């Protein structure tokens, strides 16, 4: 990896440190795609790991609100087309 991204998540809320929207934001996605451009499977493993971490944090913050599928947010966007 070439360094820490500007659009990093604030934990435990998993909002973008820079733009404040749900992370990964568009800028974070672009950065991640660039960082893992030669290894899409590693990107998917990394995102799945972050998804698990986020699920634990978000459930602790508000257990009743975690009905959304985090797979769409964390992993599905990065799958090859």
C-alpha atoms as a PDB file:
ATOM      1  CA  UNK A   1       0.000   0.000   0.000  1.00  0.00           C
ATOM      2  CA  UNK A   2       1.226   3.475  -0.766  1.00  0.00           C
ATOM      3  CA  UNK A   3      -0.011   5.247   2.328  1.00  0.00           C
ATOM      4  CA  UNK A   4      -3.031   6.142   4.328  1.00  0.00           C
ATOM      5  CA  UNK A   5      -6.026   7.327   2.304  1.00  0.00           C
ATOM      6  CA  UNK A   6      -7.531  10.740   2.957  1.00  0.00           C
ATOM      7  CA  UNK A   7     -11.025   9.230   2.844  1.00  0.00           C
ATOM      8  CA  UNK A   8     -10.619   6.774   5.746  1.00  0.00           C
ATOM      9  CA  UNK A   9     -13.394   5.527   8.022  1.00  0.00           C
ATOM     10  CA  UNK A  10     -14.052   6.957  11.449  1.00  0.00           C
ATOM     11  CA  UNK A  11     -14.706   4.014  13.732  1.00  0.00           C
ATOM     12  CA  UNK A  12     -17.089   2.922  15.200  1.00  0.00           C
ATOM     13  CA  UNK A  13     -19.530   4.941  13.047  1.00  0.00           C
ATOM     14  CA  UNK A  14     -17.922   3.931   9.724  1.00  0.00           C
ATOM     15  CA  UNK A  15     -18.451   7.370   8.228  1.00  0.00           C
ATOM     16  CA  UNK A  16     -15.817   8.957   5.986  1.00  0.00           C
ATOM     17  CA  UNK A  17     -13.346  11.147   7.870  1.00  0.00           C
ATOM     18  CA  UNK A  18     -13.280  13.649   4.993  1.00  0.00           C
ATOM     19  CA  UNK A  19     -16.753  13.809   3.459  1.00  0.00           C
ATOM     20  CA  UNK A  20     -18.864  12.347   6.275  1.00  0.00           C
ATOM     21  CA  UNK A  21     -20.882   9.886   4.226  1.00  0.00           C
ATOM     22  CA  UNK A  22     -21.108   6.139   4.779  1.00  0.00           C
ATOM     23  CA  UNK A  23     -17.711   4.559   4.188  1.00  0.00           C
ATOM     24  CA  UNK A  24     -16.460   3.441   1.741  1.00  0.00           C
ATOM     25  CA  UNK A  25     -17.370   6.678  -0.023  1.00  0.00           C
ATOM     26  CA  UNK A  26     -16.754   7.135  -3.754  1.00  0.00           C
ATOM     27  CA  UNK A  27     -13.290   8.572  -3.185  1.00  0.00           C
ATOM     28  CA  UNK A  28     -12.329   5.669  -0.904  1.00  0.00           C
ATOM     29  CA  UNK A  29     -13.574   3.186  -3.495  1.00  0.00           C
ATOM     30  CA  UNK A  30     -11.439   4.789  -6.189  1.00  0.00           C
ATOM     31  CA  UNK A  31      -8.408   4.756  -3.905  1.00  0.00           C
ATOM     32  CA  UNK A  32      -8.974   1.102  -2.989  1.00  0.00           C
ATOM     33  CA  UNK A  33      -9.367   0.102  -6.641  1.00  0.00           C
ATOM     34  CA  UNK A  34      -6.087   1.832  -7.413  1.00  0.00           C
ATOM     35  CA  UNK A  35      -4.268   0.223  -4.507  1.00  0.00           C
ATOM     36  CA  UNK A  36      -5.479  -3.265  -5.431  1.00  0.00           C
ATOM     37  CA  UNK A  37      -5.551  -2.811  -9.219  1.00  0.00           C
ATOM     38  CA  UNK A  38      -3.408  -5.907  -9.724  1.00  0.00           C
ATOM     39  CA  UNK A  39      -5.040  -8.107  -7.095  1.00  0.00           C
ATOM     40  CA  UNK A  40      -8.852  -7.966  -7.063  1.00  0.00           C
ATOM     41  CA  UNK A  41      -9.164 -11.120  -4.875  1.00  0.00           C
ATOM     42  CA  UNK A  42      -7.031  -9.462  -2.178  1.00  0.00           C
ATOM     43  CA  UNK A  43      -9.265  -6.366  -2.353  1.00  0.00           C
ATOM     44  CA  UNK A  44     -12.360  -8.502  -1.828  1.00  0.00           C
ATOM     45  CA  UNK A  45     -10.785 -10.289   1.146  1.00  0.00           C
ATOM     46  CA  UNK A  46      -9.754  -6.939   2.641  1.00  0.00           C
ATOM     47  CA  UNK A  47     -13.251  -5.493   2.170  1.00  0.00           C
ATOM     48  CA  UNK A  48     -14.923  -8.570   3.656  1.00  0.00           C
ATOM     49  CA  UNK A  49     -12.696  -8.243   6.711  1.00  0.00           C
ATOM     50  CA  UNK A  50     -13.626  -4.569   7.069  1.00  0.00           C
ATOM     51  CA  UNK A  51     -17.290  -5.485   6.647  1.00  0.00           C
ATOM     52  CA  UNK A  52     -17.087  -7.884   9.589  1.00  0.00           C
ATOM     53  CA  UNK A  53     -15.394  -5.256  11.730  1.00  0.00           C
ATOM     54  CA  UNK A  54     -17.993  -2.642  10.755  1.00  0.00           C
ATOM     55  CA  UNK A  55     -20.870  -5.023  11.478  1.00  0.00           C
ATOM     56  CA  UNK A  56     -19.641  -5.473  15.038  1.00  0.00           C
ATOM     57  CA  UNK A  57     -19.167  -1.748  15.586  1.00  0.00           C
ATOM     58  CA  UNK A  58     -22.481  -0.756  14.037  1.00  0.00           C
ATOM     59  CA  UNK A  59     -24.414  -3.429  15.937  1.00  0.00           C
ATOM     60  CA  UNK A  60     -22.940  -2.168  19.201  1.00  0.00           C
ATOM     61  CA  UNK A  61     -23.942   1.403  18.352  1.00  0.00           C
ATOM     62  CA  UNK A  62     -27.508   0.575  17.396  1.00  0.00           C
ATOM     63  CA  UNK A  63     -28.535  -3.103  17.320  1.00  0.00           C
ATOM     64  CA  UNK A  64     -32.015  -2.405  15.930  1.00  0.00           C
ATOM     65  CA  UNK A  65     -30.721  -0.417  12.951  1.00  0.00           C
ATOM     66  CA  UNK A  66     -28.400  -3.061  11.533  1.00  0.00           C
ATOM     67  CA  UNK A  67     -30.941  -4.731   9.301  1.00  0.00           C
ATOM     68  CA  UNK A  68     -29.275  -3.494   6.107  1.00  0.00           C
ATOM     69  CA  UNK A  69     -27.026  -5.875   4.238  1.00  0.00           C
ATOM     70  CA  UNK A  70     -23.503  -4.500   4.561  1.00  0.00           C
ATOM     71  CA  UNK A  71     -22.293  -6.691   1.705  1.00  0.00           C
ATOM     72  CA  UNK A  72     -23.691  -4.206  -0.820  1.00  0.00           C
ATOM     73  CA  UNK A  73     -21.867  -1.371   0.898  1.00  0.00           C
ATOM     74  CA  UNK A  74     -18.521  -3.073   1.482  1.00  0.00           C
ATOM     75  CA  UNK A  75     -17.977  -5.819  -1.087  1.00  0.00           C
ATOM     76  CA  UNK A  76     -20.405  -5.964  -3.999  1.00  0.00           C
ATOM     77  CA  UNK A  77     -19.217  -2.740  -5.637  1.00  0.00           C
ATOM     78  CA  UNK A  78     -15.704  -4.198  -5.984  1.00  0.00           C
ATOM     79  CA  UNK A  79     -16.623  -7.441  -7.718  1.00  0.00           C
ATOM     80  CA  UNK A  80     -15.439  -7.741 -11.312  1.00  0.00           C
ATOM     81  CA  UNK A  81     -17.970  -7.018 -13.996  1.00  0.00           C
END
